Amino acid sequence: MKNAKGFTLIELMIVVAIIGILAAIALPAYQTYTKKAKFSEVILATSAFKTAFLVSAQTGKLSALADADAGKLGIPAAVGASGVITSVTIENGIITATGTTAVDSVTYILTPNGITPPIQWTESGTCLASGLC
């Protein structure tokens, strides 16, 4: 009997099956990871509004949450579409950021507990259910 060299059909089928299983697990995890990375841009876009809100609150410019609107009292005007961001705005102290379809058009909402320091922020929006924030 000759010494056989190479792989048998069964060995090749097992390798292909293992690669298929690994790809089926890794691909969805990678897609979620890339969406989270893109969505971090949306979260970062809220930082200018948070900072302006905190400065306005600490300097006494705000007398109530209703005063904290985009473009007023040192708070920046609403941000339009840019990259993966559809919009970022603040109304009555609540900061709302919306992503594009690249991040499933989810929203990220920050709600302050008031205007008296220390100010705590509560996260909400559709990003919680999708696991992006």
C-alpha atoms as a PDB file:
ATOM      1  CA  MET A   1       0.000   0.000   0.000  1.00  0.00           C
ATOM      2  CA  LYS A   2       1.264   3.427  -0.894  1.00  0.00           C
ATOM      3  CA  ASN A   3       1.745   6.137   1.724  1.00  0.00           C
ATOM      4  CA  ALA A   4      -1.083   8.553   1.142  1.00  0.00           C
ATOM      5  CA  LYS A   5      -0.216  12.229   1.234  1.00  0.00           C
ATOM      6  CA  GLY A   6      -2.687  15.072   1.732  1.00  0.00           C
ATOM      7  CA  PHE A   7      -6.014  15.378   3.482  1.00  0.00           C
ATOM      8  CA  THR A   8      -9.075  13.210   3.320  1.00  0.00           C
ATOM      9  CA  LEU A   9     -12.450  14.586   2.356  1.00  0.00           C
ATOM     10  CA  ILE A  10     -13.732  14.208   5.917  1.00  0.00           C
ATOM     11  CA  GLU A  11     -10.814  16.241   7.321  1.00  0.00           C
ATOM     12  CA  LEU A  12     -11.480  19.043   4.831  1.00  0.00           C
ATOM     13  CA  MET A  13     -15.203  19.030   5.625  1.00  0.00           C
ATOM     14  CA  ILE A  14     -14.485  19.313   9.353  1.00  0.00           C
ATOM     15  CA  VAL A  15     -12.159  22.283   8.791  1.00  0.00           C
ATOM     16  CA  VAL A  16     -14.741  24.028   6.599  1.00  0.00           C
ATOM     17  CA  ALA A  17     -17.448  23.411   9.227  1.00  0.00           C
ATOM     18  CA  ILE A  18     -15.262  24.861  12.001  1.00  0.00           C
ATOM     19  CA  ILE A  19     -14.486  27.957   9.910  1.00  0.00           C
ATOM     20  CA  GLY A  20     -18.197  28.375   9.167  1.00  0.00           C
ATOM     21  CA  ILE A  21     -19.121  28.181  12.855  1.00  0.00           C
ATOM     22  CA  LEU A  22     -16.430  30.687  13.818  1.00  0.00           C
ATOM     23  CA  ALA A  23     -17.552  33.086  11.083  1.00  0.00           C
ATOM     24  CA  ALA A  24     -21.200  32.792  12.176  1.00  0.00           C
ATOM     25  CA  ILE A  25     -20.226  33.807  15.713  1.00  0.00           C
ATOM     26  CA  ALA A  26     -17.589  36.426  14.927  1.00  0.00           C
ATOM     27  CA  LEU A  27     -19.390  38.386  12.205  1.00  0.00           C
ATOM     28  CA  PRO A  28     -22.376  39.593  14.308  1.00  0.00           C
ATOM     29  CA  ALA A  29     -20.033  40.441  17.197  1.00  0.00           C
ATOM     30  CA  TYR A  30     -17.832  42.466  14.847  1.00  0.00           C
ATOM     31  CA  GLN A  31     -20.823  44.323  13.399  1.00  0.00           C
ATOM     32  CA  THR A  32     -22.014  45.260  16.900  1.00  0.00           C
ATOM     33  CA  TYR A  33     -18.510  46.401  17.807  1.00  0.00           C
ATOM     34  CA  THR A  34     -18.252  48.672  14.762  1.00  0.00           C
ATOM     35  CA  LYS A  35     -21.694  50.202  15.467  1.00  0.00           C
ATOM     36  CA  LYS A  36     -20.641  50.901  19.062  1.00  0.00           C
ATOM     37  CA  ALA A  37     -17.473  52.556  17.804  1.00  0.00           C
ATOM     38  CA  LYS A  38     -19.450  54.718  15.384  1.00  0.00           C
ATOM     39  CA  PHE A  39     -22.042  55.569  18.035  1.00  0.00           C
ATOM     40  CA  SER A  40     -19.318  56.894  20.324  1.00  0.00           C
ATOM     41  CA  GLU A  41     -19.243  59.901  17.950  1.00  0.00           C
ATOM     42  CA  VAL A  42     -22.881  60.603  18.785  1.00  0.00           C
ATOM     43  CA  ILE A  43     -22.164  60.384  22.520  1.00  0.00           C
ATOM     44  CA  LEU A  44     -19.125  62.630  22.157  1.00  0.00           C
ATOM     45  CA  ALA A  45     -21.187  65.259  20.327  1.00  0.00           C
ATOM     46  CA  THR A  46     -23.232  65.801  23.499  1.00  0.00           C
ATOM     47  CA  SER A  47     -20.181  66.854  25.530  1.00  0.00           C
ATOM     48  CA  ALA A  48     -20.217  70.483  24.315  1.00  0.00           C
ATOM     49  CA  PHE A  49     -23.844  70.802  25.416  1.00  0.00           C
ATOM     50  CA  LYS A  50     -23.154  69.170  28.795  1.00  0.00           C
ATOM     51  CA  THR A  51     -20.206  71.474  29.443  1.00  0.00           C
ATOM     52  CA  ALA A  52     -22.131  74.607  28.433  1.00  0.00           C
ATOM     53  CA  PHE A  53     -25.079  73.535  30.593  1.00  0.00           C
ATOM     54  CA  LEU A  54     -22.809  72.984  33.604  1.00  0.00           C
ATOM     55  CA  VAL A  55     -21.075  76.338  33.144  1.00  0.00           C
ATOM     56  CA  SER A  56     -24.421  78.143  32.789  1.00  0.00           C
ATOM     57  CA  ALA A  57     -25.772  76.406  35.882  1.00  0.00           C
ATOM     58  CA  GLN A  58     -22.678  77.098  37.991  1.00  0.00           C
ATOM     59  CA  THR A  59     -22.465  80.766  36.994  1.00  0.00           C
ATOM     60  CA  GLY A  60     -26.129  81.356  37.831  1.00  0.00           C
ATOM     61  CA  LYS A  61     -27.303  82.051  34.262  1.00  0.00           C
ATOM     62  CA  LEU A  62     -29.971  79.344  34.553  1.00  0.00           C
ATOM     63  CA  SER A  63     -32.886  79.942  36.900  1.00  0.00           C
ATOM     64  CA  ALA A  64     -34.759  76.793  35.796  1.00  0.00           C
ATOM     65  CA  LEU A  65     -34.329  73.840  33.460  1.00  0.00           C
ATOM     66  CA  ALA A  66     -36.736  75.535  31.044  1.00  0.00           C
ATOM     67  CA  ASP A  67     -34.051  78.203  30.434  1.00  0.00           C
ATOM     68  CA  ALA A  68     -31.588  75.653  29.047  1.00  0.00           C
ATOM     69  CA  ASP A  69     -32.305  75.705  25.324  1.00  0.00           C
ATOM     70  CA  ALA A  70     -30.032  75.566  22.296  1.00  0.00           C
ATOM     71  CA  GLY A  71     -28.499  78.913  21.379  1.00  0.00           C
ATOM     72  CA  LYS A  72     -29.363  80.619  24.682  1.00  0.00           C
ATOM     73  CA  LEU A  73     -27.351  81.601  27.764  1.00  0.00           C
ATOM     74  CA  GLY A  74     -24.041  80.327  26.428  1.00  0.00           C
ATOM     75  CA  ILE A  75     -25.428  76.973  25.284  1.00  0.00           C
ATOM     76  CA  PRO A  76     -24.458  76.137  21.690  1.00  0.00           C
ATOM     77  CA  ALA A  77     -26.983  76.136  18.876  1.00  0.00           C
ATOM     78  CA  ALA A  78     -28.312  72.782  17.691  1.00  0.00           C
ATOM     79  CA  VAL A  79     -25.870  70.703  15.640  1.00  0.00           C
ATOM     80  CA  GLY A  80     -26.994  69.429  12.240  1.00  0.00           C
ATOM     81  CA  ALA A  81     -25.988  66.359  10.277  1.00  0.00           C
ATOM     82  CA  SER A  82     -22.311  65.442  10.407  1.00  0.00           C
ATOM     83  CA  GLY A  83     -20.715  62.011  10.032  1.00  0.00           C
ATOM     84  CA  VAL A  84     -22.928  59.525  11.889  1.00  0.00           C
ATOM     85  CA  ILE A  85     -24.810  62.320  13.662  1.00  0.00           C
ATOM     86  CA  THR A  86     -28.221  63.435  12.413  1.00  0.00           C
ATOM     87  CA  SER A  87     -28.710  66.107  15.077  1.00  0.00           C
ATOM     88  CA  VAL A  88     -27.831  67.178  18.613  1.00  0.00           C
ATOM     89  CA  THR A  89     -29.966  69.657  20.513  1.00  0.00           C
ATOM     90  CA  ILE A  90     -30.888  70.724  24.022  1.00  0.00           C
ATOM     91  CA  GLU A  91     -34.367  71.728  25.101  1.00  0.00           C
ATOM     92  CA  ASN A  92     -35.418  72.362  28.704  1.00  0.00           C
ATOM     93  CA  GLY A  93     -32.030  70.984  29.765  1.00  0.00           C
ATOM     94  CA  ILE A  94     -32.573  67.637  28.028  1.00  0.00           C
ATOM     95  CA  ILE A  95     -29.855  66.852  25.497  1.00  0.00           C
ATOM     96  CA  THR A  96     -30.990  64.681  22.586  1.00  0.00           C
ATOM     97  CA  ALA A  97     -28.589  63.240  20.008  1.00  0.00           C
ATOM     98  CA  THR A  98     -29.735  61.168  17.041  1.00  0.00           C
ATOM     99  CA  GLY A  99     -27.558  58.950  14.884  1.00  0.00           C
ATOM    100  CA  THR A 100     -27.829  58.179  11.192  1.00  0.00           C
ATOM    101  CA  THR A 101     -28.818  54.870   9.660  1.00  0.00           C
ATOM    102  CA  ALA A 102     -25.174  53.782  10.017  1.00  0.00           C
ATOM    103  CA  VAL A 103     -25.977  53.370  13.727  1.00  0.00           C
ATOM    104  CA  ASP A 104     -29.609  52.299  13.231  1.00  0.00           C
ATOM    105  CA  SER A 105     -30.960  55.865  13.751  1.00  0.00           C
ATOM    106  CA  VAL A 106     -30.930  55.411  17.519  1.00  0.00           C
ATOM    107  CA  THR A 107     -31.241  58.271  19.995  1.00  0.00           C
ATOM    108  CA  TYR A 108     -29.142  59.160  23.028  1.00  0.00           C
ATOM    109  CA  ILE A 109     -30.856  61.330  25.626  1.00  0.00           C
ATOM    110  CA  LEU A 110     -29.251  62.951  28.674  1.00  0.00           C
ATOM    111  CA  THR A 111     -31.520  64.355  31.368  1.00  0.00           C
ATOM    112  CA  PRO A 112     -30.080  66.450  34.218  1.00  0.00           C
ATOM    113  CA  ASN A 113     -31.430  66.119  37.758  1.00  0.00           C
ATOM    114  CA  GLY A 114     -31.656  69.908  38.087  1.00  0.00           C
ATOM    115  CA  ILE A 115     -29.576  73.071  37.844  1.00  0.00           C
ATOM    116  CA  THR A 116     -27.996  72.915  41.307  1.00  0.00           C
ATOM    117  CA  PRO A 117     -24.557  71.282  41.481  1.00  0.00           C
ATOM    118  CA  PRO A 118     -23.677  68.484  41.682  1.00  0.00           C
ATOM    119  CA  ILE A 119     -25.601  67.760  38.515  1.00  0.00           C
ATOM    120  CA  GLN A 120     -26.234  64.109  37.728  1.00  0.00           C
ATOM    121  CA  TRP A 121     -27.133  62.966  34.222  1.00  0.00           C
ATOM    122  CA  THR A 122     -29.533  60.132  33.423  1.00  0.00           C
ATOM    123  CA  GLU A 123     -29.026  58.297  30.137  1.00  0.00           C
ATOM    124  CA  SER A 124     -31.999  57.117  28.114  1.00  0.00           C
ATOM    125  CA  GLY A 125     -33.067  56.682  24.510  1.00  0.00           C
ATOM    126  CA  THR A 126     -33.295  53.879  22.017  1.00  0.00           C
ATOM    127  CA  CYS A 127     -29.544  53.260  22.275  1.00  0.00           C
ATOM    128  CA  LEU A 128     -30.077  51.435  25.591  1.00  0.00           C
ATOM    129  CA  ALA A 129     -32.261  48.745  24.025  1.00  0.00           C
ATOM    130  CA  SER A 130     -29.862  48.307  21.114  1.00  0.00           C
ATOM    131  CA  GLY A 131     -26.835  48.095  23.437  1.00  0.00           C
ATOM    132  CA  LEU A 132     -24.957  51.000  21.864  1.00  0.00           C
ATOM    133  CA  CYS A 133     -24.747  53.197  24.975  1.00  0.00           C
END
